[in-house]
Amino acid sequence: MTRSLPDRGAAALEFALVVPVLLALVLGIIEFGRAYNIQTTLSNAARDGVRVMALENSVTAARTATRNSANTLDLTRATISVTPTSCAGTATTPPGTATVTITYPLELLSGFLPIDDFTLTGRGTMRCNG
């Protein structure tokens, strides 16, 4: 079967029109999957950190547990905040709740998508003393 002259190159032209759309779709899927993985890691790390804070009443131990739990991420630019600074109650006031919040600036890998970098946040809250 031979093609007529006007149809020559039609497949190449269609391919050239579809490739940018497919490439953008694949890059978007990759970036979304990476962001979802990092968000899950941050949430788990915050939960592990607040568990340590609630049981041990140590901000330093809570931050260390948070960093150890998120060891797959580069946390040099992340911020870990622990509130309150003490989980100890008094004779008249029972202990409250502790919260660990970790913020992580996410940089997109591709640089191809016209989206600015954004910040992901993981938060864990637990009642003090177990």
N, C-alpha and C. Protein backbone atom coordinates (compact mmCIF):
# COMPACT_ATOMS: atom_id res chain seq x y z
N MET A 1 0.85 -1.17 0.00
CA MET A 1 0.00 0.00 0.00
C MET A 1 0.90 1.23 0.00
N THR A 2 0.67 2.09 -0.91
CA THR A 2 1.46 3.31 -1.00
C THR A 2 0.62 4.48 -0.54
N ARG A 3 1.30 5.43 0.05
CA ARG A 3 0.60 6.63 0.52
C ARG A 3 0.63 7.69 -0.57
N SER A 4 -0.40 8.46 -0.57
CA SER A 4 -0.40 9.56 -1.53
C SER A 4 0.50 10.67 -1.00
N LEU A 5 0.92 11.51 -1.86
CA LEU A 5 1.88 12.57 -1.52
C LEU A 5 1.41 13.50 -0.40
N PRO A 6 0.15 13.91 -0.31
CA PRO A 6 -0.25 14.81 0.77
C PRO A 6 -0.19 14.16 2.17
N ASP A 7 -0.22 12.82 2.26
CA ASP A 7 -0.20 12.14 3.56
C ASP A 7 1.20 11.89 4.08
N ARG A 8 2.21 12.13 3.29
CA ARG A 8 3.58 11.87 3.73
C ARG A 8 3.94 12.80 4.89
N GLY A 9 4.47 12.23 5.95
CA GLY A 9 4.89 13.02 7.11
C GLY A 9 3.78 13.33 8.08
N ALA A 10 2.57 12.86 7.83
CA ALA A 10 1.45 13.17 8.73
C ALA A 10 1.67 12.53 10.10
N ALA A 11 2.18 11.31 10.13
CA ALA A 11 2.42 10.63 11.41
C ALA A 11 3.50 11.36 12.21
N ALA A 12 4.53 11.82 11.53
CA ALA A 12 5.60 12.55 12.23
C ALA A 12 5.06 13.87 12.79
N LEU A 13 4.22 14.54 12.05
CA LEU A 13 3.63 15.78 12.53
C LEU A 13 2.72 15.54 13.73
N GLU A 14 1.90 14.50 13.67
CA GLU A 14 1.03 14.17 14.79
C GLU A 14 1.85 13.81 16.02
N PHE A 15 2.92 13.06 15.83
CA PHE A 15 3.80 12.69 16.94
C PHE A 15 4.43 13.93 17.55
N ALA A 16 4.86 14.86 16.72
CA ALA A 16 5.48 16.09 17.21
C ALA A 16 4.48 16.94 17.99
N LEU A 17 3.22 16.87 17.66
CA LEU A 17 2.20 17.63 18.38
C LEU A 17 1.82 16.96 19.71
N VAL A 18 1.88 15.65 19.77
CA VAL A 18 1.44 14.92 20.96
C VAL A 18 2.55 14.79 22.00
N VAL A 19 3.81 14.73 21.59
CA VAL A 19 4.93 14.50 22.52
C VAL A 19 5.00 15.55 23.63
N PRO A 20 4.88 16.84 23.38
CA PRO A 20 4.96 17.79 24.51
C PRO A 20 3.86 17.58 25.55
N VAL A 21 2.67 17.24 25.10
CA VAL A 21 1.57 17.00 26.03
C VAL A 21 1.86 15.76 26.88
N LEU A 22 2.32 14.70 26.23
CA LEU A 22 2.65 13.48 26.97
C LEU A 22 3.81 13.69 27.93
N LEU A 23 4.80 14.44 27.51
CA LEU A 23 5.95 14.73 28.36
C LEU A 23 5.52 15.53 29.60
N ALA A 24 4.68 16.53 29.40
CA ALA A 24 4.19 17.32 30.54
C ALA A 24 3.36 16.45 31.48
N LEU A 25 2.57 15.55 30.94
CA LEU A 25 1.77 14.66 31.76
C LEU A 25 2.64 13.72 32.59
N VAL A 26 3.65 13.13 31.97
CA VAL A 26 4.55 12.22 32.68
C VAL A 26 5.33 12.97 33.76
N LEU A 27 5.85 14.16 33.45
CA LEU A 27 6.58 14.94 34.45
C LEU A 27 5.67 15.35 35.61
N GLY A 28 4.44 15.70 35.31
CA GLY A 28 3.49 16.04 36.37
C GLY A 28 3.20 14.86 37.28
N ILE A 29 3.07 13.67 36.71
CA ILE A 29 2.84 12.47 37.51
C ILE A 29 4.03 12.19 38.40
N ILE A 30 5.24 12.33 37.86
CA ILE A 30 6.45 12.09 38.65
C ILE A 30 6.56 13.09 39.79
N GLU A 31 6.34 14.37 39.51
CA GLU A 31 6.44 15.40 40.55
C GLU A 31 5.37 15.20 41.62
N PHE A 32 4.16 14.87 41.23
CA PHE A 32 3.09 14.65 42.20
C PHE A 32 3.41 13.45 43.09
N GLY A 33 3.90 12.37 42.49
CA GLY A 33 4.27 11.19 43.27
C GLY A 33 5.38 11.49 44.26
N ARG A 34 6.35 12.26 43.84
CA ARG A 34 7.46 12.64 44.74
C ARG A 34 6.95 13.51 45.88
N ALA A 35 6.10 14.49 45.57
CA ALA A 35 5.54 15.36 46.61
C ALA A 35 4.69 14.56 47.59
N TYR A 36 3.92 13.62 47.10
CA TYR A 36 3.09 12.79 47.97
C TYR A 36 3.96 11.94 48.89
N ASN A 37 5.04 11.38 48.36
CA ASN A 37 5.96 10.58 49.16
C ASN A 37 6.60 11.43 50.27
N ILE A 38 7.03 12.63 49.93
CA ILE A 38 7.64 13.52 50.92
C ILE A 38 6.62 13.94 51.97
N GLN A 39 5.39 14.23 51.56
CA GLN A 39 4.35 14.61 52.52
C GLN A 39 4.07 13.48 53.50
N THR A 40 4.02 12.26 53.01
CA THR A 40 3.80 11.11 53.89
C THR A 40 4.96 10.95 54.86
N THR A 41 6.18 11.13 54.38
CA THR A 41 7.36 11.03 55.24
C THR A 41 7.33 12.10 56.32
N LEU A 42 6.95 13.33 55.96
CA LEU A 42 6.88 14.41 56.94
C LEU A 42 5.81 14.14 58.00
N SER A 43 4.67 13.66 57.59
CA SER A 43 3.60 13.36 58.55
C SER A 43 4.02 12.25 59.52
N ASN A 44 4.66 11.22 58.99
CA ASN A 44 5.13 10.13 59.86
C ASN A 44 6.22 10.62 60.81
N ALA A 45 7.12 11.46 60.32
CA ALA A 45 8.20 11.98 61.16
C ALA A 45 7.64 12.85 62.28
N ALA A 46 6.67 13.69 61.97
CA ALA A 46 6.05 14.53 63.00
C ALA A 46 5.34 13.68 64.04
N ARG A 47 4.67 12.64 63.60
CA ARG A 47 3.99 11.75 64.53
C ARG A 47 4.99 11.04 65.45
N ASP A 48 6.11 10.58 64.89
CA ASP A 48 7.13 9.93 65.72
C ASP A 48 7.75 10.92 66.70
N GLY A 49 7.99 12.14 66.26
CA GLY A 49 8.56 13.15 67.14
C GLY A 49 7.64 13.53 68.28
N VAL A 50 6.35 13.69 67.99
CA VAL A 50 5.41 14.08 69.05
C VAL A 50 5.20 12.93 70.03
N ARG A 51 5.32 11.70 69.56
CA ARG A 51 5.21 10.56 70.47
C ARG A 51 6.34 10.60 71.50
N VAL A 52 7.56 10.90 71.03
CA VAL A 52 8.71 11.00 71.94
C VAL A 52 8.52 12.18 72.90
N MET A 53 8.03 13.31 72.40
CA MET A 53 7.81 14.47 73.26
C MET A 53 6.77 14.16 74.34
N ALA A 54 5.70 13.50 73.96
CA ALA A 54 4.63 13.20 74.91
C ALA A 54 5.09 12.23 75.99
N LEU A 55 5.97 11.32 75.64
CA LEU A 55 6.39 10.31 76.62
C LEU A 55 7.62 10.72 77.41
N GLU A 56 8.58 11.39 76.76
CA GLU A 56 9.85 11.70 77.42
C GLU A 56 9.96 13.15 77.89
N ASN A 57 9.07 14.02 77.44
CA ASN A 57 9.08 15.43 77.83
C ASN A 57 10.42 16.09 77.52
N SER A 58 10.94 15.85 76.32
CA SER A 58 12.23 16.41 75.91
C SER A 58 12.12 16.93 74.49
N VAL A 59 12.29 18.24 74.34
CA VAL A 59 12.23 18.86 73.01
C VAL A 59 13.37 18.34 72.15
N THR A 60 14.56 18.22 72.72
CA THR A 60 15.72 17.74 71.97
C THR A 60 15.49 16.31 71.47
N ALA A 61 14.97 15.46 72.32
CA ALA A 61 14.69 14.08 71.91
C ALA A 61 13.60 14.03 70.84
N ALA A 62 12.62 14.92 70.94
CA ALA A 62 11.55 14.97 69.94
C ALA A 62 12.10 15.39 68.58
N ARG A 63 12.97 16.40 68.57
CA ARG A 63 13.57 16.84 67.30
C ARG A 63 14.46 15.74 66.71
N THR A 64 15.22 15.08 67.57
CA THR A 64 16.08 14.00 67.09
C THR A 64 15.25 12.86 66.51
N ALA A 65 14.17 12.50 67.18
CA ALA A 65 13.31 11.43 66.67
C ALA A 65 12.67 11.83 65.34
N THR A 66 12.30 13.09 65.22
CA THR A 66 11.72 13.58 63.97
C THR A 66 12.74 13.49 62.84
N ARG A 67 13.95 13.94 63.10
CA ARG A 67 15.00 13.89 62.07
C ARG A 67 15.35 12.44 61.71
N ASN A 68 15.42 11.57 62.70
CA ASN A 68 15.74 10.17 62.43
C ASN A 68 14.65 9.48 61.62
N SER A 69 13.41 9.86 61.86
CA SER A 69 12.30 9.26 61.13
C SER A 69 12.25 9.71 59.68
N ALA A 70 12.73 10.93 59.42
CA ALA A 70 12.74 11.46 58.05
C ALA A 70 14.15 11.44 57.47
N ASN A 71 14.88 10.36 57.73
CA ASN A 71 16.27 10.30 57.31
C ASN A 71 16.46 10.19 55.80
N THR A 72 15.40 9.94 55.04
CA THR A 72 15.52 9.90 53.59
C THR A 72 15.48 11.29 52.96
N LEU A 73 15.15 12.31 53.76
CA LEU A 73 15.06 13.68 53.26
C LEU A 73 16.25 14.49 53.74
N ASP A 74 16.61 15.49 52.96
CA ASP A 74 17.64 16.44 53.38
C ASP A 74 16.94 17.54 54.19
N LEU A 75 17.07 17.46 55.50
CA LEU A 75 16.34 18.36 56.38
C LEU A 75 17.14 19.60 56.77
N THR A 76 18.18 19.94 56.01
CA THR A 76 18.98 21.11 56.37
C THR A 76 18.17 22.40 56.27
N ARG A 77 17.21 22.45 55.36
CA ARG A 77 16.39 23.66 55.21
C ARG A 77 15.01 23.51 55.84
N ALA A 78 14.78 22.39 56.49
CA ALA A 78 13.48 22.16 57.14
C ALA A 78 13.45 22.83 58.51
N THR A 79 12.25 23.13 58.96
CA THR A 79 12.05 23.72 60.28
C THR A 79 11.21 22.77 61.11
N ILE A 80 11.72 22.43 62.29
CA ILE A 80 10.98 21.55 63.20
C ILE A 80 10.64 22.36 64.45
N SER A 81 9.34 22.51 64.72
CA SER A 81 8.93 23.24 65.92
C SER A 81 8.16 22.29 66.84
N VAL A 82 8.46 22.41 68.12
CA VAL A 82 7.82 21.58 69.14
C VAL A 82 7.14 22.51 70.14
N THR A 83 5.84 22.33 70.34
CA THR A 83 5.10 23.13 71.32
C THR A 83 4.23 22.22 72.16
N PRO A 84 4.07 22.47 73.40
CA PRO A 84 4.81 23.41 74.24
C PRO A 84 6.21 22.88 74.50
N THR A 85 7.02 23.67 75.17
CA THR A 85 8.39 23.24 75.44
C THR A 85 8.45 22.25 76.59
N SER A 86 7.37 22.07 77.31
CA SER A 86 7.33 21.10 78.40
C SER A 86 5.96 20.45 78.45
N CYS A 87 5.95 19.15 78.65
CA CYS A 87 4.70 18.41 78.74
C CYS A 87 4.30 18.14 80.19
N ALA A 88 5.08 18.64 81.11
CA ALA A 88 4.81 18.35 82.52
C ALA A 88 3.61 19.15 83.01
N GLY A 89 2.73 18.48 83.68
CA GLY A 89 1.60 19.15 84.31
C GLY A 89 1.96 19.51 85.75
N THR A 90 1.06 20.21 86.40
CA THR A 90 1.25 20.55 87.81
C THR A 90 0.16 19.86 88.62
N ALA A 91 0.18 20.12 89.91
CA ALA A 91 -0.83 19.51 90.78
C ALA A 91 -2.23 20.02 90.45
N THR A 92 -2.31 21.24 89.94
CA THR A 92 -3.63 21.82 89.65
C THR A 92 -4.01 21.76 88.18
N THR A 93 -3.03 21.65 87.29
CA THR A 93 -3.34 21.60 85.85
C THR A 93 -2.79 20.30 85.27
N PRO A 94 -3.64 19.56 84.63
CA PRO A 94 -3.16 18.33 84.00
C PRO A 94 -2.33 18.66 82.76
N PRO A 95 -1.49 17.73 82.33
CA PRO A 95 -0.72 17.98 81.12
C PRO A 95 -1.65 18.12 79.92
N GLY A 96 -1.25 18.94 78.99
CA GLY A 96 -2.07 19.19 77.81
C GLY A 96 -1.66 18.32 76.64
N THR A 97 -1.56 18.93 75.48
CA THR A 97 -1.15 18.20 74.29
C THR A 97 0.14 18.79 73.75
N ALA A 98 0.90 17.96 73.11
CA ALA A 98 2.14 18.38 72.45
C ALA A 98 1.92 18.35 70.95
N THR A 99 2.58 19.25 70.25
CA THR A 99 2.48 19.31 68.79
C THR A 99 3.88 19.45 68.21
N VAL A 100 4.16 18.65 67.20
CA VAL A 100 5.40 18.78 66.43
C VAL A 100 5.00 19.13 65.01
N THR A 101 5.58 20.20 64.50
CA THR A 101 5.32 20.65 63.13
C THR A 101 6.64 20.71 62.39
N ILE A 102 6.69 20.10 61.23
CA ILE A 102 7.88 20.14 60.40
C ILE A 102 7.50 20.72 59.04
N THR A 103 8.20 21.78 58.64
CA THR A 103 7.97 22.39 57.33
C THR A 103 9.18 22.11 56.46
N TYR A 104 8.91 21.79 55.21
CA TYR A 104 9.95 21.37 54.29
C TYR A 104 9.75 22.07 52.95
N PRO A 105 10.73 22.85 52.49
CA PRO A 105 10.59 23.50 51.18
C PRO A 105 10.85 22.50 50.07
N LEU A 106 9.85 22.25 49.26
CA LEU A 106 9.95 21.28 48.17
C LEU A 106 10.40 21.97 46.90
N GLU A 107 11.50 21.50 46.36
CA GLU A 107 11.98 21.99 45.07
C GLU A 107 11.58 20.99 44.00
N LEU A 108 11.02 21.48 42.92
CA LEU A 108 10.64 20.60 41.84
C LEU A 108 11.88 20.13 41.10
N LEU A 109 11.90 18.87 40.73
CA LEU A 109 13.06 18.30 40.06
C LEU A 109 13.18 18.73 38.61
N SER A 110 12.05 18.78 37.94
CA SER A 110 12.10 18.98 36.49
C SER A 110 12.47 20.40 36.10
N GLY A 111 11.94 21.39 36.80
CA GLY A 111 12.17 22.76 36.39
C GLY A 111 11.45 23.09 35.09
N PHE A 112 10.76 22.12 34.54
CA PHE A 112 10.07 22.27 33.27
C PHE A 112 8.67 22.84 33.48
N LEU A 113 8.06 22.46 34.59
CA LEU A 113 6.70 22.93 34.86
C LEU A 113 6.74 24.35 35.42
N PRO A 114 5.85 25.21 34.99
CA PRO A 114 5.87 26.61 35.43
C PRO A 114 5.23 26.80 36.80
N ILE A 115 5.70 26.05 37.78
CA ILE A 115 5.16 26.12 39.14
C ILE A 115 6.31 26.49 40.06
N ASP A 116 6.08 27.47 40.94
CA ASP A 116 7.10 27.83 41.91
C ASP A 116 7.24 26.72 42.94
N ASP A 117 8.38 26.73 43.62
CA ASP A 117 8.58 25.79 44.71
C ASP A 117 7.56 26.10 45.81
N PHE A 118 7.20 25.09 46.59
CA PHE A 118 6.23 25.30 47.65
C PHE A 118 6.64 24.53 48.89
N THR A 119 5.97 24.81 49.98
CA THR A 119 6.33 24.25 51.28
C THR A 119 5.33 23.17 51.68
N LEU A 120 5.86 22.03 52.10
CA LEU A 120 5.04 20.95 52.63
C LEU A 120 5.14 20.97 54.15
N THR A 121 4.07 20.60 54.82
CA THR A 121 4.04 20.62 56.28
C THR A 121 3.50 19.30 56.81
N GLY A 122 4.21 18.75 57.80
CA GLY A 122 3.74 17.58 58.52
C GLY A 122 3.49 17.98 59.96
N ARG A 123 2.38 17.53 60.53
CA ARG A 123 2.03 17.94 61.89
C ARG A 123 1.53 16.72 62.66
N GLY A 124 2.00 16.61 63.90
CA GLY A 124 1.53 15.55 64.78
C GLY A 124 1.14 16.14 66.12
N THR A 125 0.03 15.70 66.67
CA THR A 125 -0.45 16.17 67.97
C THR A 125 -0.80 14.96 68.82
N MET A 126 -0.37 15.02 70.09
CA MET A 126 -0.62 13.90 70.99
C MET A 126 -0.78 14.42 72.42
N ARG A 127 -1.58 13.73 73.18
CA ARG A 127 -1.76 14.10 74.58
C ARG A 127 -0.48 13.79 75.35
N CYS A 128 -0.08 14.68 76.20
CA CYS A 128 1.15 14.50 76.98
C CYS A 128 1.01 13.35 77.97
N ASN A 129 2.12 12.74 78.24
CA ASN A 129 2.23 11.62 79.20
C ASN A 129 1.41 10.42 78.79
N GLY A 130 1.41 10.15 77.48
CA GLY A 130 0.86 8.90 77.02
C GLY A 130 -0.56 8.91 76.66
